[in-house]
PDB file of all heavy atoms in Angstrom:
ATOM      1  N   SER A   1     103.676 112.903  87.092  1.00  0.00           N
ATOM      2  CA  SER A   1     103.652 111.890  88.109  1.00  0.00           C
ATOM      3  C   SER A   1     104.046 112.427  89.489  1.00  0.00           C
ATOM      4  O   SER A   1     104.789 113.373  89.542  1.00  0.00           O
ATOM      5  CB  SER A   1     104.596 110.766  87.749  1.00  0.00           C
ATOM      6  OG  SER A   1     104.264 110.123  86.523  1.00  0.00           O
ATOM      7  N   LEU A   2     103.456 111.774  90.497  1.00  0.00           N
ATOM      8  CA  LEU A   2     103.900 112.043  91.883  1.00  0.00           C
ATOM      9  C   LEU A   2     103.849 110.729  92.649  1.00  0.00           C
ATOM     10  O   LEU A   2     103.069 109.801  92.261  1.00  0.00           O
ATOM     11  CB  LEU A   2     102.926 113.042  92.557  1.00  0.00           C
ATOM     12  CG  LEU A   2     103.048 114.510  92.250  1.00  0.00           C
ATOM     13  CD1 LEU A   2     101.902 115.257  92.957  1.00  0.00           C
ATOM     14  CD2 LEU A   2     104.410 115.071  92.701  1.00  0.00           C
ATOM     15  N   ARG A   3     104.667 110.646  93.658  1.00  0.00           N
ATOM     16  CA  ARG A   3     104.659 109.511  94.545  1.00  0.00           C
ATOM     17  C   ARG A   3     104.419 109.919  95.945  1.00  0.00           C
ATOM     18  O   ARG A   3     105.194 110.661  96.528  1.00  0.00           O
ATOM     19  CB  ARG A   3     105.988 108.757  94.436  1.00  0.00           C
ATOM     20  CG  ARG A   3     105.996 107.387  95.198  1.00  0.00           C
ATOM     21  CD  ARG A   3     107.355 106.777  95.241  1.00  0.00           C
ATOM     22  NE  ARG A   3     107.341 105.419  95.663  1.00  0.00           N
ATOM     23  CZ  ARG A   3     108.270 104.862  96.384  1.00  0.00           C
ATOM     24  NH1 ARG A   3     109.310 105.582  96.809  1.00  0.00           N
ATOM     25  NH2 ARG A   3     108.198 103.591  96.734  1.00  0.00           N
ATOM     26  N   LEU A   4     103.288 109.526  96.483  1.00  0.00           N
ATOM     27  CA  LEU A   4     102.975 109.870  97.872  1.00  0.00           C
ATOM     28  C   LEU A   4     103.455 108.752  98.803  1.00  0.00           C
ATOM     29  O   LEU A   4     103.496 107.543  98.442  1.00  0.00           O
ATOM     30  CB  LEU A   4     101.456 109.960  98.067  1.00  0.00           C
ATOM     31  CG  LEU A   4     100.722 110.924  97.098  1.00  0.00           C
ATOM     32  CD1 LEU A   4      99.238 111.055  97.557  1.00  0.00           C
ATOM     33  CD2 LEU A   4     101.348 112.352  97.212  1.00  0.00           C
ATOM     34  N   SER A   5     103.823 109.150  99.975  1.00  0.00           N
ATOM     35  CA  SER A   5     104.274 108.173 101.007  1.00  0.00           C
ATOM     36  C   SER A   5     103.571 108.420 102.283  1.00  0.00           C
ATOM     37  O   SER A   5     103.151 109.562 102.580  1.00  0.00           O
ATOM     38  CB  SER A   5     105.777 108.312 101.296  1.00  0.00           C
ATOM     39  OG  SER A   5     106.548 108.011 100.051  1.00  0.00           O
ATOM     40  N   CYS A   6     103.351 107.350 102.996  1.00  0.00           N
ATOM     41  CA  CYS A   6     102.677 107.453 104.334  1.00  0.00           C
ATOM     42  C   CYS A   6     103.537 106.656 105.294  1.00  0.00           C
ATOM     43  O   CYS A   6     103.660 105.412 105.155  1.00  0.00           O
ATOM     44  CB  CYS A   6     101.251 106.927 104.264  1.00  0.00           C
ATOM     45  SG  CYS A   6     100.424 106.778 105.831  1.00  0.00           S
ATOM     46  N   ALA A   7     104.091 107.305 106.270  1.00  0.00           N
ATOM     47  CA  ALA A   7     104.904 106.668 107.278  1.00  0.00           C
ATOM     48  C   ALA A   7     104.068 106.437 108.536  1.00  0.00           C
ATOM     49  O   ALA A   7     103.408 107.318 109.009  1.00  0.00           O
ATOM     50  CB  ALA A   7     106.097 107.506 107.630  1.00  0.00           C
ATOM     51  N   ALA A   8     104.103 105.158 109.002  1.00  0.00           N
ATOM     52  CA  ALA A   8     103.333 104.803 110.178  1.00  0.00           C
ATOM     53  C   ALA A   8     104.281 104.614 111.370  1.00  0.00           C
ATOM     54  O   ALA A   8     105.428 104.188 111.194  1.00  0.00           O
ATOM     55  CB  ALA A   8     102.581 103.510 109.874  1.00  0.00           C
ATOM     56  N   SER A   9     103.736 104.936 112.580  1.00  0.00           N
ATOM     57  CA  SER A   9     104.474 104.765 113.782  1.00  0.00           C
ATOM     58  C   SER A   9     103.543 104.544 114.908  1.00  0.00           C
ATOM     59  O   SER A   9     102.364 104.788 114.836  1.00  0.00           O
ATOM     60  CB  SER A   9     105.398 105.982 114.048  1.00  0.00           C
ATOM     61  OG  SER A   9     104.567 107.111 114.294  1.00  0.00           O
ATOM     62  N   GLY A  10     104.105 103.980 115.967  1.00  0.00           N
ATOM     63  CA  GLY A  10     103.295 103.789 117.204  1.00  0.00           C
ATOM     64  C   GLY A  10     102.619 102.446 117.339  1.00  0.00           C
ATOM     65  O   GLY A  10     102.069 102.162 118.452  1.00  0.00           O
ATOM     66  N   SER A  11     102.704 101.658 116.374  1.00  0.00           N
ATOM     67  CA  SER A  11     102.069 100.291 116.459  1.00  0.00           C
ATOM     68  C   SER A  11     102.673  99.395 115.423  1.00  0.00           C
ATOM     69  O   SER A  11     103.234  99.920 114.355  1.00  0.00           O
ATOM     70  CB  SER A  11     100.550 100.429 116.270  1.00  0.00           C
ATOM     71  OG  SER A  11      99.911  99.191 116.439  1.00  0.00           O
ATOM     72  N   THR A  12     102.551  98.172 115.563  1.00  0.00           N
ATOM     73  CA  THR A  12     102.982  97.165 114.587  1.00  0.00           C
ATOM     74  C   THR A  12     102.227  97.378 113.296  1.00  0.00           C
ATOM     75  O   THR A  12     100.972  97.389 113.247  1.00  0.00           O
ATOM     76  CB  THR A  12     102.807  95.773 115.021  1.00  0.00           C
ATOM     77  OG1 THR A  12     103.503  95.550 116.248  1.00  0.00           O
ATOM     78  CG2 THR A  12     103.322  94.760 114.005  1.00  0.00           C
ATOM     79  N   PHE A  13     102.920  97.645 112.179  1.00  0.00           N
ATOM     80  CA  PHE A  13     102.311  98.096 110.896  1.00  0.00           C
ATOM     81  C   PHE A  13     101.724  96.928 110.112  1.00  0.00           C
ATOM     82  O   PHE A  13     100.646  97.097 109.517  1.00  0.00           O
ATOM     83  CB  PHE A  13     103.426  98.763 110.106  1.00  0.00           C
ATOM     84  CG  PHE A  13     102.962  99.225 108.750  1.00  0.00           C
ATOM     85  CD1 PHE A  13     102.154 100.352 108.568  1.00  0.00           C
ATOM     86  CD2 PHE A  13     103.426  98.554 107.593  1.00  0.00           C
ATOM     87  CE1 PHE A  13     101.839 100.756 107.276  1.00  0.00           C
ATOM     88  CE2 PHE A  13     103.034  98.959 106.311  1.00  0.00           C
ATOM     89  CZ  PHE A  13     102.226 100.074 106.206  1.00  0.00           C
ATOM     90  N   SER A  14     102.341  95.769 110.089  1.00  0.00           N
ATOM     91  CA  SER A  14     101.972  94.713 109.125  1.00  0.00           C
ATOM     92  C   SER A  14     100.545  94.223 109.203  1.00  0.00           C
ATOM     93  O   SER A  14      99.969  93.916 108.158  1.00  0.00           O
ATOM     94  CB  SER A  14     102.972  93.536 109.244  1.00  0.00           C
ATOM     95  OG  SER A  14     102.945  93.053 110.567  1.00  0.00           O
ATOM     96  N   PRO A  15      99.851  94.221 110.335  1.00  0.00           N
ATOM     97  CA  PRO A  15      98.466  93.719 110.330  1.00  0.00           C
ATOM     98  C   PRO A  15      97.449  94.694 109.740  1.00  0.00           C
ATOM     99  O   PRO A  15      96.344  94.276 109.430  1.00  0.00           O
ATOM    100  CB  PRO A  15      98.178  93.466 111.785  1.00  0.00           C
ATOM    101  CG  PRO A  15      99.470  93.561 112.495  1.00  0.00           C
ATOM    102  CD  PRO A  15     100.333  94.407 111.697  1.00  0.00           C
ATOM    103  N   TYR A  16      97.831  95.934 109.542  1.00  0.00           N
ATOM    104  CA  TYR A  16      96.858  96.945 109.138  1.00  0.00           C
ATOM    105  C   TYR A  16      96.570  96.832 107.649  1.00  0.00           C
ATOM    106  O   TYR A  16      97.441  96.636 106.826  1.00  0.00           O
ATOM    107  CB  TYR A  16      97.373  98.339 109.427  1.00  0.00           C
ATOM    108  CG  TYR A  16      97.319  98.732 110.898  1.00  0.00           C
ATOM    109  CD1 TYR A  16      98.375  98.384 111.767  1.00  0.00           C
ATOM    110  CD2 TYR A  16      96.219  99.499 111.391  1.00  0.00           C
ATOM    111  CE1 TYR A  16      98.271  98.768 113.057  1.00  0.00           C
ATOM    112  CE2 TYR A  16      96.229  99.882 112.702  1.00  0.00           C
ATOM    113  CZ  TYR A  16      97.227  99.486 113.549  1.00  0.00           C
ATOM    114  OH  TYR A  16      97.235  99.826 114.848  1.00  0.00           O
ATOM    115  N   ALA A  17      95.273  97.020 107.314  1.00  0.00           N
ATOM    116  CA  ALA A  17      94.956  97.348 105.917  1.00  0.00           C
ATOM    117  C   ALA A  17      95.146  98.859 105.780  1.00  0.00           C
ATOM    118  O   ALA A  17      94.781  99.612 106.572  1.00  0.00           O
ATOM    119  CB  ALA A  17      93.509  96.941 105.652  1.00  0.00           C
ATOM    120  N   MET A  18      95.743  99.226 104.613  1.00  0.00           N
ATOM    121  CA  MET A  18      96.073 100.609 104.451  1.00  0.00           C
ATOM    122  C   MET A  18      95.355 101.198 103.175  1.00  0.00           C
ATOM    123  O   MET A  18      95.199 100.482 102.123  1.00  0.00           O
ATOM    124  CB  MET A  18      97.576 100.778 104.194  1.00  0.00           C
ATOM    125  CG  MET A  18      98.425 100.248 105.331  1.00  0.00           C
ATOM    126  SD  MET A  18      98.104 101.148 106.897  1.00  0.00           S
ATOM    127  CE  MET A  18      98.689 102.821 106.455  1.00  0.00           C
ATOM    128  N   GLY A  19      94.902 102.396 103.295  1.00  0.00           N
ATOM    129  CA  GLY A  19      94.218 103.000 102.147  1.00  0.00           C
ATOM    130  C   GLY A  19      94.663 104.434 101.937  1.00  0.00           C
ATOM    131  O   GLY A  19      95.107 105.113 102.797  1.00  0.00           O
ATOM    132  N   TRP A  20      94.473 104.833 100.681  1.00  0.00           N
ATOM    133  CA  TRP A  20      94.595 106.220 100.309  1.00  0.00           C
ATOM    134  C   TRP A  20      93.223 106.761  99.937  1.00  0.00           C
ATOM    135  O   TRP A  20      92.531 106.102  99.108  1.00  0.00           O
ATOM    136  CB  TRP A  20      95.576 106.401  99.123  1.00  0.00           C
ATOM    137  CG  TRP A  20      97.024 106.284  99.528  1.00  0.00           C
ATOM    138  CD1 TRP A  20      97.793 105.232  99.382  1.00  0.00           C
ATOM    139  CD2 TRP A  20      97.833 107.326 100.099  1.00  0.00           C
ATOM    140  NE1 TRP A  20      99.109 105.487  99.843  1.00  0.00           N
ATOM    141  CE2 TRP A  20      99.165 106.761 100.267  1.00  0.00           C
ATOM    142  CE3 TRP A  20      97.605 108.658 100.474  1.00  0.00           C
ATOM    143  CZ2 TRP A  20     100.187 107.485 100.811  1.00  0.00           C
ATOM    144  CZ3 TRP A  20      98.651 109.387 100.980  1.00  0.00           C
ATOM    145  CH2 TRP A  20      99.947 108.786 101.157  1.00  0.00           C
ATOM    146  N   TYR A  21      92.839 107.877 100.488  1.00  0.00           N
ATOM    147  CA  TYR A  21      91.638 108.526 100.200  1.00  0.00           C
ATOM    148  C   TYR A  21      91.923 109.947  99.707  1.00  0.00           C
ATOM    149  O   TYR A  21      93.045 110.464  99.924  1.00  0.00           O
ATOM    150  CB  TYR A  21      90.749 108.626 101.427  1.00  0.00           C
ATOM    151  CG  TYR A  21      90.170 107.360 101.890  1.00  0.00           C
ATOM    152  CD1 TYR A  21      90.975 106.352 102.519  1.00  0.00           C
ATOM    153  CD2 TYR A  21      88.816 106.998 101.720  1.00  0.00           C
ATOM    154  CE1 TYR A  21      90.459 105.120 102.934  1.00  0.00           C
ATOM    155  CE2 TYR A  21      88.259 105.800 102.180  1.00  0.00           C
ATOM    156  CZ  TYR A  21      89.094 104.886 102.755  1.00  0.00           C
ATOM    157  OH  TYR A  21      88.590 103.647 103.181  1.00  0.00           O
ATOM    158  N   ARG A  22      90.940 110.523  99.048  1.00  0.00           N
ATOM    159  CA  ARG A  22      91.119 111.986  98.640  1.00  0.00           C
ATOM    160  C   ARG A  22      89.844 112.752  98.805  1.00  0.00           C
ATOM    161  O   ARG A  22      88.762 112.185  98.735  1.00  0.00           O
ATOM    162  CB  ARG A  22      91.653 112.054  97.231  1.00  0.00           C
ATOM    163  CG  ARG A  22      90.702 111.592  96.159  1.00  0.00           C
ATOM    164  CD  ARG A  22      91.348 111.540  94.800  1.00  0.00           C
ATOM    165  NE  ARG A  22      90.440 111.184  93.689  1.00  0.00           N
ATOM    166  CZ  ARG A  22      90.828 110.919  92.471  1.00  0.00           C
ATOM    167  NH1 ARG A  22      92.106 111.093  92.065  1.00  0.00           N
ATOM    168  NH2 ARG A  22      89.926 110.532  91.552  1.00  0.00           N
ATOM    169  N   GLN A  23      90.034 114.034  99.026  1.00  0.00           N
ATOM    170  CA  GLN A  23      88.880 114.919  99.142  1.00  0.00           C
ATOM    171  C   GLN A  23      89.129 116.179  98.341  1.00  0.00           C
ATOM    172  O   GLN A  23      90.078 116.953  98.663  1.00  0.00           O
ATOM    173  CB  GLN A  23      88.576 115.262 100.580  1.00  0.00           C
ATOM    174  CG  GLN A  23      87.230 115.992 100.759  1.00  0.00           C
ATOM    175  CD  GLN A  23      86.805 116.042 102.167  1.00  0.00           C
ATOM    176  OE1 GLN A  23      87.554 115.701 103.101  1.00  0.00           O
ATOM    177  NE2 GLN A  23      85.560 116.355 102.418  1.00  0.00           N
ATOM    178  N   ALA A  24      88.398 116.399  97.329  1.00  0.00           N
ATOM    179  CA  ALA A  24      88.504 117.598  96.480  1.00  0.00           C
ATOM    180  C   ALA A  24      87.566 118.625  97.045  1.00  0.00           C
ATOM    181  O   ALA A  24      86.593 118.345  97.805  1.00  0.00           O
ATOM    182  CB  ALA A  24      88.074 117.287  95.102  1.00  0.00           C
ATOM    183  N   PRO A  25      87.849 119.913  96.782  1.00  0.00           N
ATOM    184  CA  PRO A  25      87.023 120.988  97.366  1.00  0.00           C
ATOM    185  C   PRO A  25      85.576 120.788  97.025  1.00  0.00           C
ATOM    186  O   PRO A  25      85.187 120.543  95.832  1.00  0.00           O
ATOM    187  CB  PRO A  25      87.603 122.224  96.656  1.00  0.00           C
ATOM    188  CG  PRO A  25      89.011 121.896  96.345  1.00  0.00           C
ATOM    189  CD  PRO A  25      88.959 120.432  95.999  1.00  0.00           C
ATOM    190  N   GLY A  26      84.709 120.901  98.022  1.00  0.00           N
ATOM    191  CA  GLY A  26      83.269 120.796  97.815  1.00  0.00           C
ATOM    192  C   GLY A  26      82.801 119.359  97.565  1.00  0.00           C
ATOM    193  O   GLY A  26      81.601 119.142  97.277  1.00  0.00           O
ATOM    194  N   LYS A  27      83.691 118.407  97.678  1.00  0.00           N
ATOM    195  CA  LYS A  27      83.286 116.964  97.430  1.00  0.00           C
ATOM    196  C   LYS A  27      83.503 116.147  98.664  1.00  0.00           C
ATOM    197  O   LYS A  27      84.256 116.514  99.572  1.00  0.00           O
ATOM    198  CB  LYS A  27      83.986 116.420  96.201  1.00  0.00           C
ATOM    199  CG  LYS A  27      83.702 117.132  94.915  1.00  0.00           C
ATOM    200  CD  LYS A  27      84.274 116.378  93.753  1.00  0.00           C
ATOM    201  CE  LYS A  27      83.933 116.959  92.426  1.00  0.00           C
ATOM    202  NZ  LYS A  27      84.542 116.280  91.299  1.00  0.00           N
ATOM    203  N   GLN A  28      82.874 114.976  98.689  1.00  0.00           N
ATOM    204  CA  GLN A  28      83.081 114.067  99.809  1.00  0.00           C
ATOM    205  C   GLN A  28      84.396 113.298  99.595  1.00  0.00           C
ATOM    206  O   GLN A  28      84.936 113.154  98.526  1.00  0.00           O
ATOM    207  CB  GLN A  28      81.905 113.047  99.807  1.00  0.00           C
ATOM    208  CG  GLN A  28      80.619 113.636 100.287  1.00  0.00           C
ATOM    209  CD  GLN A  28      79.524 112.563 100.527  1.00  0.00           C
ATOM    210  OE1 GLN A  28      79.516 111.559  99.847  1.00  0.00           O
ATOM    211  NE2 GLN A  28      78.635 112.800 101.439  1.00  0.00           N
ATOM    212  N   ARG A  29      84.937 112.873 100.790  1.00  0.00           N
ATOM    213  CA  ARG A  29      86.114 112.012 100.667  1.00  0.00           C
ATOM    214  C   ARG A  29      85.808 110.684 100.070  1.00  0.00           C
ATOM    215  O   ARG A  29      84.754 110.088 100.307  1.00  0.00           O
ATOM    216  CB  ARG A  29      86.640 111.807 102.138  1.00  0.00           C
ATOM    217  CG  ARG A  29      88.042 111.176 102.208  1.00  0.00           C
ATOM    218  CD  ARG A  29      88.550 111.166 103.684  1.00  0.00           C
ATOM    219  NE  ARG A  29      88.667 112.523 104.221  1.00  0.00           N
ATOM    220  CZ  ARG A  29      89.286 112.716 105.391  1.00  0.00           C
ATOM    221  NH1 ARG A  29      89.791 111.743 106.116  1.00  0.00           N
ATOM    222  NH2 ARG A  29      89.356 113.955 105.869  1.00  0.00           N
ATOM    223  N   GLU A  30      86.718 110.251  99.155  1.00  0.00           N
ATOM    224  CA  GLU A  30      86.485 109.033  98.428  1.00  0.00           C
ATOM    225  C   GLU A  30      87.736 108.116  98.508  1.00  0.00           C
ATOM    226  O   GLU A  30      88.840 108.652  98.607  1.00  0.00           O
ATOM    227  CB  GLU A  30      86.113 109.288  96.998  1.00  0.00           C
ATOM    228  CG  GLU A  30      87.251 109.957  96.134  1.00  0.00           C
ATOM    229  CD  GLU A  30      86.916 110.098  94.713  1.00  0.00           C
ATOM    230  OE1 GLU A  30      85.819 109.612  94.284  1.00  0.00           O
ATOM    231  OE2 GLU A  30      87.767 110.555  94.003  1.00  0.00           O
ATOM    232  N   LEU A  31      87.512 106.822  98.456  1.00  0.00           N
ATOM    233  CA  LEU A  31      88.604 105.889  98.363  1.00  0.00           C
ATOM    234  C   LEU A  31      89.291 105.934  97.078  1.00  0.00           C
ATOM    235  O   LEU A  31      88.693 105.930  96.029  1.00  0.00           O
ATOM    236  CB  LEU A  31      88.096 104.470  98.657  1.00  0.00           C
ATOM    237  CG  LEU A  31      89.104 103.340  98.561  1.00  0.00           C
ATOM    238  CD1 LEU A  31      90.131 103.463  99.701  1.00  0.00           C
ATOM    239  CD2 LEU A  31      88.402 101.998  98.610  1.00  0.00           C
ATOM    240  N   VAL A  32      90.660 106.036  97.110  1.00  0.00           N
ATOM    241  CA  VAL A  32      91.474 105.984  95.892  1.00  0.00           C
ATOM    242  C   VAL A  32      92.013 104.582  95.641  1.00  0.00           C
ATOM    243  O   VAL A  32      91.931 103.987  94.609  1.00  0.00           O
ATOM    244  CB  VAL A  32      92.577 107.024  96.007  1.00  0.00           C
ATOM    245  CG1 VAL A  32      93.516 106.897  94.774  1.00  0.00           C
ATOM    246  CG2 VAL A  32      92.048 108.441  96.183  1.00  0.00           C
ATOM    247  N   ALA A  33      92.622 104.043  96.713  1.00  0.00           N
ATOM    248  CA  ALA A  33      93.274 102.744  96.598  1.00  0.00           C
ATOM    249  C   ALA A  33      93.423 102.140  97.959  1.00  0.00           C
ATOM    250  O   ALA A  33      93.491 102.814  98.965  1.00  0.00           O
ATOM    251  CB  ALA A  33      94.633 102.850  95.944  1.00  0.00           C
ATOM    252  N   PHE A  34      93.424 100.769  98.027  1.00  0.00           N
ATOM    253  CA  PHE A  34      93.438 100.048  99.252  1.00  0.00           C
ATOM    254  C   PHE A  34      94.314  98.852  99.115  1.00  0.00           C
ATOM    255  O   PHE A  34      94.320  98.193  98.045  1.00  0.00           O
ATOM    256  CB  PHE A  34      91.999  99.610  99.519  1.00  0.00           C
ATOM    257  CG  PHE A  34      91.740  98.975 100.819  1.00  0.00           C
ATOM    258  CD1 PHE A  34      91.546  99.736 101.922  1.00  0.00           C
ATOM    259  CD2 PHE A  34      91.676  97.607 100.975  1.00  0.00           C
ATOM    260  CE1 PHE A  34      91.259  99.172 103.167  1.00  0.00           C
ATOM    261  CE2 PHE A  34      91.376  97.012 102.194  1.00  0.00           C
ATOM    262  CZ  PHE A  34      91.167  97.854 103.305  1.00  0.00           C
ATOM    263  N   ILE A  35      95.086  98.524 100.232  1.00  0.00           N
ATOM    264  CA  ILE A  35      95.958  97.324 100.180  1.00  0.00           C
ATOM    265  C   ILE A  35      95.792  96.636 101.492  1.00  0.00           C
ATOM    266  O   ILE A  35      95.888  97.243 102.548  1.00  0.00           O
ATOM    267  CB  ILE A  35      97.426  97.700  99.898  1.00  0.00           C
ATOM    268  CG1 ILE A  35      98.288  96.394  99.712  1.00  0.00           C
ATOM    269  CG2 ILE A  35      97.968  98.611 100.949  1.00  0.00           C
ATOM    270  CD1 ILE A  35      99.608  96.692  99.111  1.00  0.00           C
ATOM    271  N   THR A  36      95.507  95.323 101.448  1.00  0.00           N
ATOM    272  CA  THR A  36      95.281  94.519 102.674  1.00  0.00           C
ATOM    273  C   THR A  36      96.628  94.225 103.255  1.00  0.00           C
ATOM    274  O   THR A  36      97.722  94.402 102.729  1.00  0.00           O
ATOM    275  CB  THR A  36      94.511  93.306 102.362  1.00  0.00           C
ATOM    276  OG1 THR A  36      95.339  92.375 101.573  1.00  0.00           O
ATOM    277  CG2 THR A  36      93.235  93.564 101.585  1.00  0.00           C
ATOM    278  N   SER A  37      96.575  93.605 104.505  1.00  0.00           N
ATOM    279  CA  SER A  37      97.787  93.190 105.098  1.00  0.00           C
ATOM    280  C   SER A  37      98.522  92.117 104.260  1.00  0.00           C
ATOM    281  O   SER A  37      99.724  91.963 104.338  1.00  0.00           O
ATOM    282  CB  SER A  37      97.472  92.637 106.488  1.00  0.00           C
ATOM    283  OG  SER A  37      96.553  91.532 106.458  1.00  0.00           O
ATOM    284  N   GLY A  38      97.742  91.396 103.459  1.00  0.00           N
ATOM    285  CA  GLY A  38      98.359  90.321 102.634  1.00  0.00           C
ATOM    286  C   GLY A  38      98.826  90.776 101.244  1.00  0.00           C
ATOM    287  O   GLY A  38      99.314  89.980 100.524  1.00  0.00           O
ATOM    288  N   GLY A  39      98.560  92.112 100.993  1.00  0.00           N
ATOM    289  CA  GLY A  39      99.021  92.660  99.743  1.00  0.00           C
ATOM    290  C   GLY A  39      97.974  92.726  98.634  1.00  0.00           C
ATOM    291  O   GLY A  39      98.317  93.194  97.503  1.00  0.00           O
ATOM    292  N   SER A  40      96.736  92.316  98.835  1.00  0.00           N
ATOM    293  CA  SER A  40      95.764  92.448  97.830  1.00  0.00           C
ATOM    294  C   SER A  40      95.338  93.936  97.694  1.00  0.00           C
ATOM    295  O   SER A  40      95.264  94.616  98.708  1.00  0.00           O
ATOM    296  CB  SER A  40      94.557  91.628  98.231  1.00  0.00           C
ATOM    297  OG  SER A  40      94.820  90.222  98.267  1.00  0.00           O
ATOM    298  N   THR A  41      95.070  94.349  96.496  1.00  0.00           N
ATOM    299  CA  THR A  41      94.798  95.734  96.262  1.00  0.00           C
ATOM    300  C   THR A  41      93.427  95.950  95.603  1.00  0.00           C
ATOM    301  O   THR A  41      92.906  95.024  94.928  1.00  0.00           O
ATOM    302  CB  THR A  41      95.895  96.353  95.289  1.00  0.00           C
ATOM    303  OG1 THR A  41      95.952  95.622  94.073  1.00  0.00           O
ATOM    304  CG2 THR A  41      97.246  96.292  95.978  1.00  0.00           C
ATOM    305  N   ASN A  42      92.928  97.164  95.740  1.00  0.00           N
ATOM    306  CA  ASN A  42      91.712  97.559  95.076  1.00  0.00           C
ATOM    307  C   ASN A  42      91.776  99.057  94.751  1.00  0.00           C
ATOM    308  O   ASN A  42      92.417  99.799  95.484  1.00  0.00           O
ATOM    309  CB  ASN A  42      90.491  97.269  96.054  1.00  0.00           C
ATOM    310  CG  ASN A  42      89.176  97.453  95.331  1.00  0.00           C
ATOM    311  OD1 ASN A  42      89.054  97.073  94.213  1.00  0.00           O
ATOM    312  ND2 ASN A  42      88.197  97.961  96.059  1.00  0.00           N
ATOM    313  N   TYR A  43      91.202  99.440  93.649  1.00  0.00           N
ATOM    314  CA  TYR A  43      91.323 100.832  93.140  1.00  0.00           C
ATOM    315  C   TYR A  43      89.969 101.383  92.766  1.00  0.00           C
ATOM    316  O   TYR A  43      89.063 100.684  92.261  1.00  0.00           O
ATOM    317  CB  TYR A  43      92.203 100.883  91.926  1.00  0.00           C
ATOM    318  CG  TYR A  43      93.646 100.455  92.217  1.00  0.00           C
ATOM    319  CD1 TYR A  43      94.045  99.160  92.050  1.00  0.00           C
ATOM    320  CD2 TYR A  43      94.591 101.424  92.653  1.00  0.00           C
ATOM    321  CE1 TYR A  43      95.356  98.795  92.335  1.00  0.00           C
ATOM    322  CE2 TYR A  43      95.900 101.114  92.901  1.00  0.00           C
ATOM    323  CZ  TYR A  43      96.288  99.765  92.739  1.00  0.00           C
ATOM    324  OH  TYR A  43      97.576  99.360  92.978  1.00  0.00           O
ATOM    325  N   ASN A  44      89.858 102.654  92.954  1.00  0.00           N
ATOM    326  CA  ASN A  44      88.738 103.434  92.432  1.00  0.00           C
ATOM    327  C   ASN A  44      88.823 103.339  90.897  1.00  0.00           C
ATOM    328  O   ASN A  44      89.928 103.392  90.365  1.00  0.00           O
ATOM    329  CB  ASN A  44      88.845 104.889  92.923  1.00  0.00           C
ATOM    330  CG  ASN A  44      87.699 105.725  92.475  1.00  0.00           C
ATOM    331  OD1 ASN A  44      87.277 105.797  91.344  1.00  0.00           O
ATOM    332  ND2 ASN A  44      87.069 106.398  93.481  1.00  0.00           N
ATOM    333  N   ASP A  45      87.702 103.172  90.287  1.00  0.00           N
ATOM    334  CA  ASP A  45      87.741 102.981  88.793  1.00  0.00           C
ATOM    335  C   ASP A  45      88.412 104.182  88.148  1.00  0.00           C
ATOM    336  O   ASP A  45      89.048 104.007  87.096  1.00  0.00           O
ATOM    337  CB  ASP A  45      86.303 102.865  88.269  1.00  0.00           C
ATOM    338  CG  ASP A  45      85.683 101.458  88.579  1.00  0.00           C
ATOM    339  OD1 ASP A  45      86.459 100.590  88.890  1.00  0.00           O
ATOM    340  OD2 ASP A  45      84.470 101.349  88.430  1.00  0.00           O
ATOM    341  N   SER A  46      88.292 105.334  88.680  1.00  0.00           N
ATOM    342  CA  SER A  46      88.838 106.572  88.071  1.00  0.00           C
ATOM    343  C   SER A  46      90.404 106.581  88.032  1.00  0.00           C
ATOM    344  O   SER A  46      90.991 107.350  87.271  1.00  0.00           O
ATOM    345  CB  SER A  46      88.341 107.837  88.741  1.00  0.00           C
ATOM    346  OG  SER A  46      88.867 107.863  90.039  1.00  0.00           O
TER     347      SER A  46
END
């Protein structure tokens, strides 16, 4: 297991929808997980 963190600064954070993406060597960047300002989430099937 690992826990990634993303710290935001420079603007009010709460209105933003936030996402984690990943890019493997030789592949396109893909969405991993997404969370809206209201807390709804969505995940890559993988």
